C-alpha atoms as a PDB file:
ATOM      1  CA  UNK A   1       8.567  15.372 -23.603  1.00  0.00           C
ATOM      2  CA  UNK A   2       6.227  14.713 -26.501  1.00  0.00           C
ATOM      3  CA  UNK A   3       4.247  12.088 -24.593  1.00  0.00           C
ATOM      4  CA  UNK A   4       3.591  14.332 -21.567  1.00  0.00           C
ATOM      5  CA  UNK A   5       2.894  17.567 -23.476  1.00  0.00           C
ATOM      6  CA  UNK A   6      -0.895  16.984 -23.833  1.00  0.00           C
ATOM      7  CA  UNK A   7      -1.226  16.216 -20.113  1.00  0.00           C
ATOM      8  CA  UNK A   8       0.687  19.301 -19.015  1.00  0.00           C
ATOM      9  CA  UNK A   9      -1.425  21.418 -21.339  1.00  0.00           C
ATOM     10  CA  UNK A  10      -4.615  19.890 -19.936  1.00  0.00           C
ATOM     11  CA  UNK A  11      -3.342  20.688 -16.416  1.00  0.00           C
ATOM     12  CA  UNK A  12      -2.636  24.309 -17.348  1.00  0.00           C
ATOM     13  CA  UNK A  13       1.164  24.020 -17.196  1.00  0.00           C
ATOM     14  CA  UNK A  14       2.806  26.063 -19.996  1.00  0.00           C
ATOM     15  CA  UNK A  15       5.092  23.657 -21.796  1.00  0.00           C
ATOM     16  CA  UNK A  16       7.523  26.451 -22.642  1.00  0.00           C
ATOM     17  CA  UNK A  17       8.339  26.628 -18.916  1.00  0.00           C
ATOM     18  CA  UNK A  18       9.569  23.017 -18.843  1.00  0.00           C
ATOM     19  CA  UNK A  19      13.351  22.861 -18.605  1.00  0.00           C
ATOM     20  CA  UNK A  20      13.701  19.161 -17.857  1.00  0.00           C
ATOM     21  CA  UNK A  21      11.520  16.057 -18.136  1.00  0.00           C
ATOM     22  CA  UNK A  22      12.805  12.643 -17.165  1.00  0.00           C
ATOM     23  CA  UNK A  23      11.238   9.255 -16.635  1.00  0.00           C
ATOM     24  CA  UNK A  24      11.645   7.837 -13.141  1.00  0.00           C
ATOM     25  CA  UNK A  25      12.468   4.248 -12.333  1.00  0.00           C
ATOM     26  CA  UNK A  26      10.910   2.400  -9.439  1.00  0.00           C
ATOM     27  CA  UNK A  27       7.287   2.545 -10.507  1.00  0.00           C
ATOM     28  CA  UNK A  28       5.877  -0.958 -10.718  1.00  0.00           C
ATOM     29  CA  UNK A  29       2.541  -0.158 -12.379  1.00  0.00           C
ATOM     30  CA  UNK A  30       2.143   3.486 -13.389  1.00  0.00           C
ATOM     31  CA  UNK A  31       4.739   5.403 -15.404  1.00  0.00           C
ATOM     32  CA  UNK A  32       6.373   8.305 -13.552  1.00  0.00           C
ATOM     33  CA  UNK A  33       7.885  11.495 -14.990  1.00  0.00           C
ATOM     34  CA  UNK A  34       9.716  14.183 -13.017  1.00  0.00           C
ATOM     35  CA  UNK A  35       9.337  17.644 -14.545  1.00  0.00           C
ATOM     36  CA  UNK A  36      11.334  20.773 -13.700  1.00  0.00           C
ATOM     37  CA  UNK A  37       9.969  24.224 -14.538  1.00  0.00           C
ATOM     38  CA  UNK A  38      11.955  27.375 -15.193  1.00  0.00           C
ATOM     39  CA  UNK A  39      10.953  28.875 -11.819  1.00  0.00           C
ATOM     40  CA  UNK A  40      12.470  25.912  -9.951  1.00  0.00           C
ATOM     41  CA  UNK A  41       9.176  24.084  -9.369  1.00  0.00           C
ATOM     42  CA  UNK A  42       9.438  20.292  -9.477  1.00  0.00           C
ATOM     43  CA  UNK A  43       6.447  18.192 -10.510  1.00  0.00           C
ATOM     44  CA  UNK A  44       5.688  14.475 -10.720  1.00  0.00           C
ATOM     45  CA  UNK A  45       3.368  13.175 -13.415  1.00  0.00           C
ATOM     46  CA  UNK A  46       1.856   9.698 -13.077  1.00  0.00           C
ATOM     47  CA  UNK A  47       0.366   7.955 -16.090  1.00  0.00           C
ATOM     48  CA  UNK A  48      -1.362   4.568 -15.930  1.00  0.00           C
ATOM     49  CA  UNK A  49      -0.540   1.925 -18.539  1.00  0.00           C
ATOM     50  CA  UNK A  50      -2.849   1.559 -21.542  1.00  0.00           C
ATOM     51  CA  UNK A  51      -6.131  -0.162 -20.799  1.00  0.00           C
ATOM     52  CA  UNK A  52      -5.327  -3.863 -20.739  1.00  0.00           C
ATOM     53  CA  UNK A  53      -6.415  -7.072 -19.130  1.00  0.00           C
ATOM     54  CA  UNK A  54      -2.841  -7.717 -17.983  1.00  0.00           C
ATOM     55  CA  UNK A  55      -3.154  -6.237 -14.532  1.00  0.00           C
ATOM     56  CA  UNK A  56      -4.495  -7.287 -11.168  1.00  0.00           C
ATOM     57  CA  UNK A  57      -8.110  -6.390 -10.555  1.00  0.00           C
ATOM     58  CA  UNK A  58      -7.378  -4.086  -7.653  1.00  0.00           C
ATOM     59  CA  UNK A  59      -5.010  -2.058  -9.883  1.00  0.00           C
ATOM     60  CA  UNK A  60      -7.744  -0.804 -12.181  1.00  0.00           C
ATOM     61  CA  UNK A  61      -8.213   2.865 -11.460  1.00  0.00           C
ATOM     62  CA  UNK A  62      -5.691   2.965  -8.600  1.00  0.00           C
ATOM     63  CA  UNK A  63      -4.723   6.542  -9.466  1.00  0.00           C
ATOM     64  CA  UNK A  64      -8.085   7.510  -7.986  1.00  0.00           C
ATOM     65  CA  UNK A  65      -6.883   6.014  -4.736  1.00  0.00           C
ATOM     66  CA  UNK A  66      -3.625   7.933  -4.942  1.00  0.00           C
ATOM     67  CA  UNK A  67      -5.452  11.227  -5.352  1.00  0.00           C
ATOM     68  CA  UNK A  68      -7.678  10.389  -2.369  1.00  0.00           C
ATOM     69  CA  UNK A  69      -4.686   9.366  -0.282  1.00  0.00           C
ATOM     70  CA  UNK A  70      -2.640  12.508  -0.880  1.00  0.00           C
ATOM     71  CA  UNK A  71      -5.546  14.887  -0.407  1.00  0.00           C
ATOM     72  CA  UNK A  72      -6.721  13.269   2.816  1.00  0.00           C
ATOM     73  CA  UNK A  73      -3.235  12.627   4.240  1.00  0.00           C
ATOM     74  CA  UNK A  74      -2.386  16.305   3.739  1.00  0.00           C
ATOM     75  CA  UNK A  75      -5.441  17.217   5.815  1.00  0.00           C
ATOM     76  CA  UNK A  76      -3.936  15.175   8.658  1.00  0.00           C
ATOM     77  CA  UNK A  77      -0.608  17.019   8.467  1.00  0.00           C
ATOM     78  CA  UNK A  78       1.369  14.208   6.833  1.00  0.00           C
ATOM     79  CA  UNK A  79       4.024  15.413   4.330  1.00  0.00           C
ATOM     80  CA  UNK A  80       2.787  14.142   0.971  1.00  0.00           C
ATOM     81  CA  UNK A  81       2.801  15.408  -2.629  1.00  0.00           C
ATOM     82  CA  UNK A  82       0.238  18.124  -3.336  1.00  0.00           C
ATOM     83  CA  UNK A  83      -2.309  17.131  -5.979  1.00  0.00           C
ATOM     84  CA  UNK A  84      -2.297  19.743  -8.752  1.00  0.00           C
ATOM     85  CA  UNK A  85      -4.517  18.120 -11.363  1.00  0.00           C
ATOM     86  CA  UNK A  86      -6.272  14.785 -11.787  1.00  0.00           C
ATOM     87  CA  UNK A  87      -8.012  13.396 -14.851  1.00  0.00           C
ATOM     88  CA  UNK A  88      -8.981   9.782 -14.258  1.00  0.00           C
ATOM     89  CA  UNK A  89     -11.203   9.387 -17.323  1.00  0.00           C
ATOM     90  CA  UNK A  90      -9.128  11.201 -19.929  1.00  0.00           C
ATOM     91  CA  UNK A  91     -11.901  13.741 -20.443  1.00  0.00           C
ATOM     92  CA  UNK A  92      -9.441  16.413 -21.612  1.00  0.00           C
ATOM     93  CA  UNK A  93      -8.305  14.172 -24.456  1.00  0.00           C
ATOM     94  CA  UNK A  94      -4.865  13.572 -22.981  1.00  0.00           C
ATOM     95  CA  UNK A  95      -5.636  10.252 -21.329  1.00  0.00           C
ATOM     96  CA  UNK A  96      -5.824   9.612 -17.580  1.00  0.00           C
ATOM     97  CA  UNK A  97      -3.064  11.098 -15.420  1.00  0.00           C
ATOM     98  CA  UNK A  98      -2.271  12.587 -12.031  1.00  0.00           C
ATOM     99  CA  UNK A  99      -0.034  15.649 -11.632  1.00  0.00           C
ATOM    100  CA  UNK A 100       1.509  16.373  -8.229  1.00  0.00           C
ATOM    101  CA  UNK A 101       4.190  18.445  -6.605  1.00  0.00           C
ATOM    102  CA  UNK A 102       7.481  16.654  -5.940  1.00  0.00           C
ATOM    103  CA  UNK A 103       8.503  15.964  -2.357  1.00  0.00           C
ATOM    104  CA  UNK A 104      12.049  16.706  -1.310  1.00  0.00           C
ATOM    105  CA  UNK A 105      14.309  13.913  -0.194  1.00  0.00           C
ATOM    106  CA  UNK A 106      15.717  10.536  -1.159  1.00  0.00           C
ATOM    107  CA  UNK A 107      14.090   7.141  -0.590  1.00  0.00           C
ATOM    108  CA  UNK A 108      14.910   5.763   2.862  1.00  0.00           C
ATOM    109  CA  UNK A 109      16.178   2.459   1.476  1.00  0.00           C
ATOM    110  CA  UNK A 110      18.771   4.309  -0.651  1.00  0.00           C
ATOM    111  CA  UNK A 111      20.567   5.571   2.477  1.00  0.00           C
ATOM    112  CA  UNK A 112      19.566   2.819   4.908  1.00  0.00           C
ATOM    113  CA  UNK A 113      23.099   1.437   5.061  1.00  0.00           C
ATOM    114  CA  UNK A 114      24.383   4.848   6.194  1.00  0.00           C
ATOM    115  CA  UNK A 115      21.967   5.227   9.118  1.00  0.00           C
ATOM    116  CA  UNK A 116      23.414   4.674  12.560  1.00  0.00           C
ATOM    117  CA  UNK A 117      21.255   2.756  15.009  1.00  0.00           C
ATOM    118  CA  UNK A 118      20.232   5.805  16.991  1.00  0.00           C
ATOM    119  CA  UNK A 119      19.213   7.802  13.923  1.00  0.00           C
ATOM    120  CA  UNK A 120      17.284   4.865  12.504  1.00  0.00           C
ATOM    121  CA  UNK A 121      15.367   4.420  15.768  1.00  0.00           C
ATOM    122  CA  UNK A 122      14.556   8.136  15.848  1.00  0.00           C
ATOM    123  CA  UNK A 123      13.295   8.040  12.267  1.00  0.00           C
ATOM    124  CA  UNK A 124      11.211   4.924  12.915  1.00  0.00           C
ATOM    125  CA  UNK A 125       9.598   6.765  15.820  1.00  0.00           C
ATOM    126  CA  UNK A 126       8.912   9.753  13.584  1.00  0.00           C
ATOM    127  CA  UNK A 127       7.368   7.461  11.001  1.00  0.00           C
ATOM    128  CA  UNK A 128       5.213   5.875  13.691  1.00  0.00           C
ATOM    129  CA  UNK A 129       3.799   9.280  14.624  1.00  0.00           C
ATOM    130  CA  UNK A 130       3.049  10.086  10.976  1.00  0.00           C
ATOM    131  CA  UNK A 131       1.281   6.760  10.440  1.00  0.00           C
ATOM    132  CA  UNK A 132      -0.790   7.403  13.558  1.00  0.00           C
ATOM    133  CA  UNK A 133      -1.916  10.660  11.925  1.00  0.00           C
ATOM    134  CA  UNK A 134      -2.884   8.790   8.761  1.00  0.00           C
ATOM    135  CA  UNK A 135      -5.061   6.495  10.829  1.00  0.00           C
ATOM    136  CA  UNK A 136      -7.069   9.421  12.209  1.00  0.00           C
ATOM    137  CA  UNK A 137      -8.491   9.970   8.707  1.00  0.00           C
ATOM    138  CA  UNK A 138     -11.853   8.207   8.440  1.00  0.00           C
ATOM    139  CA  UNK A 139     -13.341   7.245   5.093  1.00  0.00           C
ATOM    140  CA  UNK A 140     -16.876   6.785   3.796  1.00  0.00           C
ATOM    141  CA  UNK A 141     -16.832   2.957   3.806  1.00  0.00           C
ATOM    142  CA  UNK A 142     -14.456  -0.005   3.469  1.00  0.00           C
ATOM    143  CA  UNK A 143     -12.537  -0.942   0.325  1.00  0.00           C
ATOM    144  CA  UNK A 144     -10.761   0.619  -2.663  1.00  0.00           C
ATOM    145  CA  UNK A 145     -12.031   4.078  -3.705  1.00  0.00           C
ATOM    146  CA  UNK A 146     -12.062   3.064  -7.384  1.00  0.00           C
ATOM    147  CA  UNK A 147     -14.355   0.139  -6.451  1.00  0.00           C
ATOM    148  CA  UNK A 148     -12.323  -2.031  -8.828  1.00  0.00           C
ATOM    149  CA  UNK A 149     -12.769  -5.136  -6.666  1.00  0.00           C
ATOM    150  CA  UNK A 150     -16.209  -4.482  -5.212  1.00  0.00           C
ATOM    151  CA  UNK A 151     -18.381  -1.524  -4.197  1.00  0.00           C
ATOM    152  CA  UNK A 152     -17.393   0.193  -0.976  1.00  0.00           C
ATOM    153  CA  UNK A 153     -18.883  -1.734   1.926  1.00  0.00           C
ATOM    154  CA  UNK A 154     -20.243  -0.664   5.320  1.00  0.00           C
ATOM    155  CA  UNK A 155     -18.435  -3.667   6.877  1.00  0.00           C
ATOM    156  CA  UNK A 156     -14.760  -4.637   6.737  1.00  0.00           C
ATOM    157  CA  UNK A 157     -15.144  -8.401   6.601  1.00  0.00           C
ATOM    158  CA  UNK A 158     -16.980  -8.542   3.232  1.00  0.00           C
ATOM    159  CA  UNK A 159     -14.771  -5.784   1.814  1.00  0.00           C
ATOM    160  CA  UNK A 160     -11.527  -7.565   2.668  1.00  0.00           C
ATOM    161  CA  UNK A 161     -12.919 -10.933   1.589  1.00  0.00           C
ATOM    162  CA  UNK A 162     -13.666  -9.420  -1.834  1.00  0.00           C
ATOM    163  CA  UNK A 163     -10.088  -8.099  -1.998  1.00  0.00           C
ATOM    164  CA  UNK A 164      -8.673 -11.535  -1.164  1.00  0.00           C
ATOM    165  CA  UNK A 165     -10.959 -13.296  -3.622  1.00  0.00           C
ATOM    166  CA  UNK A 166      -9.932 -10.893  -6.400  1.00  0.00           C
ATOM    167  CA  UNK A 167      -6.200 -11.536  -6.014  1.00  0.00           C
ATOM    168  CA  UNK A 168      -6.783 -15.292  -5.783  1.00  0.00           C
ATOM    169  CA  UNK A 169      -8.875 -15.120  -8.964  1.00  0.00           C
ATOM    170  CA  UNK A 170      -5.930 -13.286 -10.536  1.00  0.00           C
ATOM    171  CA  UNK A 171      -3.623 -16.063  -9.347  1.00  0.00           C
ATOM    172  CA  UNK A 172      -5.784 -18.590 -11.193  1.00  0.00           C
ATOM    173  CA  UNK A 173      -6.074 -16.356 -14.238  1.00  0.00           C
ATOM    174  CA  UNK A 174      -2.321 -15.878 -14.611  1.00  0.00           C
ATOM    175  CA  UNK A 175      -1.304 -19.341 -13.360  1.00  0.00           C
ATOM    176  CA  UNK A 176       0.810 -17.811 -10.597  1.00  0.00           C
ATOM    177  CA  UNK A 177       3.141 -20.096  -8.669  1.00  0.00           C
ATOM    178  CA  UNK A 178       1.938 -20.164  -5.070  1.00  0.00           C
ATOM    179  CA  UNK A 179       3.154 -22.407  -2.237  1.00  0.00           C
ATOM    180  CA  UNK A 180      -0.329 -23.907  -1.818  1.00  0.00           C
ATOM    181  CA  UNK A 181      -3.278 -24.451  -4.170  1.00  0.00           C
ATOM    182  CA  UNK A 182      -5.516 -21.421  -4.612  1.00  0.00           C
ATOM    183  CA  UNK A 183      -8.641 -23.146  -3.320  1.00  0.00           C
ATOM    184  CA  UNK A 184      -6.866 -24.200  -0.086  1.00  0.00           C
ATOM    185  CA  UNK A 185      -5.571 -20.655   0.481  1.00  0.00           C
ATOM    186  CA  UNK A 186      -9.039 -19.252  -0.149  1.00  0.00           C
ATOM    187  CA  UNK A 187     -10.661 -21.612   2.354  1.00  0.00           C
ATOM    188  CA  UNK A 188      -8.067 -20.794   4.990  1.00  0.00           C
ATOM    189  CA  UNK A 189      -8.416 -17.027   4.592  1.00  0.00           C
ATOM    190  CA  UNK A 190     -12.215 -17.272   4.631  1.00  0.00           C
ATOM    191  CA  UNK A 191     -12.106 -19.400   7.782  1.00  0.00           C
ATOM    192  CA  UNK A 192     -10.087 -16.713   9.592  1.00  0.00           C
ATOM    193  CA  UNK A 193     -12.227 -13.811   8.386  1.00  0.00           C
ATOM    194  CA  UNK A 194     -14.498 -13.573  11.475  1.00  0.00           C
ATOM    195  CA  UNK A 195     -11.560 -11.839  13.192  1.00  0.00           C
ATOM    196  CA  UNK A 196     -12.194  -8.902  10.863  1.00  0.00           C
ATOM    197  CA  UNK A 197     -15.544  -8.182  12.464  1.00  0.00           C
ATOM    198  CA  UNK A 198     -13.799  -6.308  15.277  1.00  0.00           C
ATOM    199  CA  UNK A 199     -12.999  -3.521  12.800  1.00  0.00           C
ATOM    200  CA  UNK A 200     -15.858  -1.038  12.576  1.00  0.00           C
ATOM    201  CA  UNK A 201     -14.254   2.205  11.326  1.00  0.00           C
ATOM    202  CA  UNK A 202     -12.660   2.554   7.855  1.00  0.00           C
ATOM    203  CA  UNK A 203      -9.431   4.554   8.119  1.00  0.00           C
ATOM    204  CA  UNK A 204      -6.829   5.654   5.591  1.00  0.00           C
ATOM    205  CA  UNK A 205      -4.448   2.745   4.897  1.00  0.00           C
ATOM    206  CA  UNK A 206      -1.433   3.318   2.611  1.00  0.00           C
ATOM    207  CA  UNK A 207      -0.544  -0.418   2.368  1.00  0.00           C
ATOM    208  CA  UNK A 208       2.795   0.190   0.630  1.00  0.00           C
ATOM    209  CA  UNK A 209       4.834   1.820   3.393  1.00  0.00           C
ATOM    210  CA  UNK A 210       8.114   0.051   2.786  1.00  0.00           C
ATOM    211  CA  UNK A 211      11.179   2.296   3.055  1.00  0.00           C
ATOM    212  CA  UNK A 212      11.252   3.012  -0.693  1.00  0.00           C
ATOM    213  CA  UNK A 213       8.095   5.097  -0.315  1.00  0.00           C
ATOM    214  CA  UNK A 214       9.386   7.195   2.598  1.00  0.00           C
ATOM    215  CA  UNK A 215      11.660  10.111   1.656  1.00  0.00           C
ATOM    216  CA  UNK A 216      14.393  11.421   3.969  1.00  0.00           C
ATOM    217  CA  UNK A 217      15.873  14.909   3.977  1.00  0.00           C
ATOM    218  CA  UNK A 218      18.706  16.525   5.903  1.00  0.00           C
ATOM    219  CA  UNK A 219      22.314  15.804   6.680  1.00  0.00           C
ATOM    220  CA  UNK A 220      23.537  12.477   8.113  1.00  0.00           C
ATOM    221  CA  UNK A 221      22.695  12.301  11.785  1.00  0.00           C
ATOM    222  CA  UNK A 222      19.991  14.961  11.441  1.00  0.00           C
ATOM    223  CA  UNK A 223      17.744  13.407   8.824  1.00  0.00           C
ATOM    224  CA  UNK A 224      13.983  13.756   8.984  1.00  0.00           C
ATOM    225  CA  UNK A 225      11.066  12.466   6.944  1.00  0.00           C
ATOM    226  CA  UNK A 226      10.393  14.764   3.999  1.00  0.00           C
ATOM    227  CA  UNK A 227       7.539  12.899   2.395  1.00  0.00           C
ATOM    228  CA  UNK A 228       5.370   9.809   2.161  1.00  0.00           C
ATOM    229  CA  UNK A 229       4.760   8.950  -1.499  1.00  0.00           C
ATOM    230  CA  UNK A 230       3.105   6.422  -3.812  1.00  0.00           C
ATOM    231  CA  UNK A 231      -0.271   6.194  -2.118  1.00  0.00           C
ATOM    232  CA  UNK A 232      -1.865   4.475  -5.103  1.00  0.00           C
ATOM    233  CA  UNK A 233      -2.457   1.172  -3.301  1.00  0.00           C
ATOM    234  CA  UNK A 234      -4.409   2.765  -0.474  1.00  0.00           C
ATOM    235  CA  UNK A 235      -7.759   1.548   0.739  1.00  0.00           C
ATOM    236  CA  UNK A 236     -10.170   2.335   3.533  1.00  0.00           C
ATOM    237  CA  UNK A 237      -9.715  -0.382   6.127  1.00  0.00           C
ATOM    238  CA  UNK A 238      -8.156  -1.624   9.342  1.00  0.00           C
ATOM    239  CA  UNK A 239      -5.190   0.466  10.577  1.00  0.00           C
ATOM    240  CA  UNK A 240      -3.336  -2.752  11.454  1.00  0.00           C
ATOM    241  CA  UNK A 241      -3.155  -3.511   7.718  1.00  0.00           C
ATOM    242  CA  UNK A 242      -0.465  -0.849   7.299  1.00  0.00           C
ATOM    243  CA  UNK A 243       1.860  -2.814   9.573  1.00  0.00           C
ATOM    244  CA  UNK A 244       2.227  -5.502   6.885  1.00  0.00           C
ATOM    245  CA  UNK A 245       4.278  -3.279   4.573  1.00  0.00           C
ATOM    246  CA  UNK A 246       5.849  -1.275   7.405  1.00  0.00           C
ATOM    247  CA  UNK A 247       7.498  -4.543   8.461  1.00  0.00           C
ATOM    248  CA  UNK A 248       7.824  -6.073   4.997  1.00  0.00           C
ATOM    249  CA  UNK A 249       9.000  -9.685   5.323  1.00  0.00           C
ATOM    250  CA  UNK A 250       9.224  -9.108   9.065  1.00  0.00           C
ATOM    251  CA  UNK A 251       7.124  -8.463  12.166  1.00  0.00           C
ATOM    252  CA  UNK A 252       6.128  -5.009  13.378  1.00  0.00           C
ATOM    253  CA  UNK A 253       6.257  -6.287  16.953  1.00  0.00           C
ATOM    254  CA  UNK A 254      10.049  -6.416  16.505  1.00  0.00           C
ATOM    255  CA  UNK A 255      10.130  -2.653  15.856  1.00  0.00           C
ATOM    256  CA  UNK A 256       9.750  -1.000  19.295  1.00  0.00           C
ATOM    257  CA  UNK A 257      10.851   2.426  18.046  1.00  0.00           C
ATOM    258  CA  UNK A 258       8.069   2.545  15.460  1.00  0.00           C
ATOM    259  CA  UNK A 259       5.463   1.248  17.917  1.00  0.00           C
ATOM    260  CA  UNK A 260       6.513   3.796  20.549  1.00  0.00           C
ATOM    261  CA  UNK A 261       6.156   6.594  17.998  1.00  0.00           C
ATOM    262  CA  UNK A 262       2.819   5.220  16.842  1.00  0.00           C
ATOM    263  CA  UNK A 263       1.541   5.125  20.423  1.00  0.00           C
ATOM    264  CA  UNK A 264       2.835   8.635  21.192  1.00  0.00           C
ATOM    265  CA  UNK A 265       0.926   9.846  18.127  1.00  0.00           C
ATOM    266  CA  UNK A 266      -2.300   8.369  19.456  1.00  0.00           C
ATOM    267  CA  UNK A 267      -2.247   5.092  17.532  1.00  0.00           C
ATOM    268  CA  UNK A 268      -3.456   1.900  19.167  1.00  0.00           C
ATOM    269  CA  UNK A 269      -1.769  -1.431  18.535  1.00  0.00           C
ATOM    270  CA  UNK A 270      -2.892  -4.086  20.991  1.00  0.00           C
ATOM    271  CA  UNK A 271      -1.566  -7.412  19.739  1.00  0.00           C
ATOM    272  CA  UNK A 272      -4.024  -9.850  21.222  1.00  0.00           C
ATOM    273  CA  UNK A 273      -4.852 -13.154  19.523  1.00  0.00           C
ATOM    274  CA  UNK A 274      -7.521 -11.670  17.251  1.00  0.00           C
ATOM    275  CA  UNK A 275      -5.284  -8.766  16.212  1.00  0.00           C
ATOM    276  CA  UNK A 276      -2.525 -11.222  15.305  1.00  0.00           C
ATOM    277  CA  UNK A 277      -4.995 -13.186  13.191  1.00  0.00           C
ATOM    278  CA  UNK A 278      -5.893  -9.992  11.364  1.00  0.00           C
ATOM    279  CA  UNK A 279      -2.204  -9.232  10.896  1.00  0.00           C
ATOM    280  CA  UNK A 280      -1.653 -12.681   9.390  1.00  0.00           C
ATOM    281  CA  UNK A 281      -4.532 -12.033   6.983  1.00  0.00           C
ATOM    282  CA  UNK A 282      -2.995  -8.740   5.838  1.00  0.00           C
ATOM    283  CA  UNK A 283       0.454 -10.262   5.442  1.00  0.00           C
ATOM    284  CA  UNK A 284      -1.033 -13.076   3.398  1.00  0.00           C
ATOM    285  CA  UNK A 285      -2.854 -10.587   1.171  1.00  0.00           C
ATOM    286  CA  UNK A 286       0.277  -8.487   0.609  1.00  0.00           C
ATOM    287  CA  UNK A 287       2.454 -11.509  -0.146  1.00  0.00           C
ATOM    288  CA  UNK A 288      -0.164 -12.895  -2.518  1.00  0.00           C
ATOM    289  CA  UNK A 289      -0.092  -9.619  -4.444  1.00  0.00           C
ATOM    290  CA  UNK A 290       3.702  -9.757  -4.646  1.00  0.00           C
ATOM    291  CA  UNK A 291       3.686 -13.355  -5.878  1.00  0.00           C
ATOM    292  CA  UNK A 292       0.891 -12.882  -8.406  1.00  0.00           C
ATOM    293  CA  UNK A 293       1.844  -9.517  -9.931  1.00  0.00           C
ATOM    294  CA  UNK A 294       5.070 -10.867 -11.486  1.00  0.00           C
ATOM    295  CA  UNK A 295       2.960 -12.813 -13.991  1.00  0.00           C
ATOM    296  CA  UNK A 296       0.946 -10.073 -15.755  1.00  0.00           C
ATOM    297  CA  UNK A 297       3.993  -7.792 -15.594  1.00  0.00           C
ATOM    298  CA  UNK A 298       6.125 -10.498 -17.218  1.00  0.00           C
ATOM    299  CA  UNK A 299       9.051  -9.925 -14.892  1.00  0.00           C
ATOM    300  CA  UNK A 300      12.360 -11.563 -15.846  1.00  0.00           C
ATOM    301  CA  UNK A 301      13.159 -15.018 -14.541  1.00  0.00           C
ATOM    302  CA  UNK A 302      15.623 -13.824 -11.896  1.00  0.00           C
ATOM    303  CA  UNK A 303      13.046 -11.437 -10.400  1.00  0.00           C
ATOM    304  CA  UNK A 304      10.429 -14.184 -10.299  1.00  0.00           C
ATOM    305  CA  UNK A 305      12.935 -16.472  -8.602  1.00  0.00           C
ATOM    306  CA  UNK A 306      13.706 -13.799  -5.982  1.00  0.00           C
ATOM    307  CA  UNK A 307      10.008 -13.413  -5.181  1.00  0.00           C
ATOM    308  CA  UNK A 308       9.544 -17.175  -4.920  1.00  0.00           C
ATOM    309  CA  UNK A 309      12.609 -17.572  -2.713  1.00  0.00           C
ATOM    310  CA  UNK A 310      11.996 -14.602  -0.397  1.00  0.00           C
ATOM    311  CA  UNK A 311       8.250 -13.935  -0.381  1.00  0.00           C
ATOM    312  CA  UNK A 312       6.715 -17.405  -0.679  1.00  0.00           C
ATOM    313  CA  UNK A 313       8.192 -18.592   2.673  1.00  0.00           C
ATOM    314  CA  UNK A 314       6.633 -15.583   4.413  1.00  0.00           C
ATOM    315  CA  UNK A 315       3.280 -16.341   2.814  1.00  0.00           C
ATOM    316  CA  UNK A 316       3.598 -19.880   4.143  1.00  0.00           C
ATOM    317  CA  UNK A 317       4.362 -18.499   7.600  1.00  0.00           C
ATOM    318  CA  UNK A 318       1.248 -16.278   7.492  1.00  0.00           C
ATOM    319  CA  UNK A 319      -0.885 -19.185   6.298  1.00  0.00           C
ATOM    320  CA  UNK A 320       0.492 -21.397   9.086  1.00  0.00           C
ATOM    321  CA  UNK A 321      -0.473 -18.706  11.610  1.00  0.00           C
ATOM    322  CA  UNK A 322      -4.003 -18.598  10.190  1.00  0.00           C
ATOM    323  CA  UNK A 323      -4.199 -22.378  10.235  1.00  0.00           C
ATOM    324  CA  UNK A 324      -3.247 -22.387  13.917  1.00  0.00           C
ATOM    325  CA  UNK A 325      -5.697 -19.568  14.698  1.00  0.00           C
ATOM    326  CA  UNK A 326      -8.578 -21.442  13.106  1.00  0.00           C
ATOM    327  CA  UNK A 327      -7.687 -24.752  14.802  1.00  0.00           C
ATOM    328  CA  UNK A 328     -10.501 -24.336  17.400  1.00  0.00           C
ATOM    329  CA  UNK A 329     -12.952 -24.550  14.506  1.00  0.00           C
ATOM    330  CA  UNK A 330     -11.907 -28.140  14.012  1.00  0.00           C
ATOM    331  CA  UNK A 331     -12.424 -29.142  17.622  1.00  0.00           C
ATOM    332  CA  UNK A 332     -15.810 -30.040  19.102  1.00  0.00           C
ATOM    333  CA  UNK A 333     -17.397 -26.942  20.571  1.00  0.00           C
ATOM    334  CA  UNK A 334     -14.761 -24.646  19.015  1.00  0.00           C
ATOM    335  CA  UNK A 335     -15.531 -21.200  17.684  1.00  0.00           C
ATOM    336  CA  UNK A 336     -13.813 -19.071  15.038  1.00  0.00           C
ATOM    337  CA  UNK A 337     -11.493 -16.260  16.084  1.00  0.00           C
ATOM    338  CA  UNK A 338     -13.459 -13.207  17.129  1.00  0.00           C
ATOM    339  CA  UNK A 339     -16.829 -14.948  16.906  1.00  0.00           C
ATOM    340  CA  UNK A 340     -17.744 -14.140  20.491  1.00  0.00           C
ATOM    341  CA  UNK A 341     -16.636 -10.494  20.289  1.00  0.00           C
ATOM    342  CA  UNK A 342     -18.764  -7.581  19.217  1.00  0.00           C
ATOM    343  CA  UNK A 343     -17.634  -5.349  16.358  1.00  0.00           C
END
């Protein structure tokens, strides 16, 4: 309680109303505290780690992105935590923090084994409709709101290229174990980047929509989605980028229930050759983050081994797809993916 007292005071929450304060597990970068007040109100407090060089570049200031995500997602009718107070610069003397309401429910992955096929399909359709709502929210420009990697850009291709370059620079910096040399991965991702020029509107992308960040409420057989949480890794970008984490270590095209819900909510997902190239780029970016972040976080050996064994093969698969997509470049008269299409 002592460590959160200054932040609650800065947010105008009387500390004498706090009846319980507990640290939450599951956060991989920021520290989370769940706080119960005497009137039954439940709050979540997020606190970034002390300023340090031991983080990925995109993670600097990501609480700004979380505030943006929750405020804008709420405008679209998506169930998300309500932002109660944000201090990203520590101006109140308590250090940077974000205070939000707590969403009801349990993480999807915690009850996944109990879901019958029909209920799971219904929930995936519901999630598809919610994600379609997220993608109606248009941002000011492409990139991370905190501009930790690069300034917001009017075009998606340079914004995403800067994001890729930053995580590959981090891979070099922390000597991350990747399945291919960093310079080869960089060249391959750059060669496929013309496919990004089809994207002309920056929309709200969560980019961490695995089942641990989707909360379910209700009784078995009648569950519904109670909240979408942990929006700290959001950026303004291509809506297809969200499909990388929605089908983590898989393929969203194998999830017809989600895609049907997404389409019924107004989302568009046309998987032509250029769209699949973009999808491979986003998978590669996500898997690079997962493989690199274990180094600055100094994860234990068994966790590093799990990431190498389970994530690295999927990065290889994404890189192989990009290699095949850029093959016309290496043939006489070939052109890069998307080069003949207007943005």
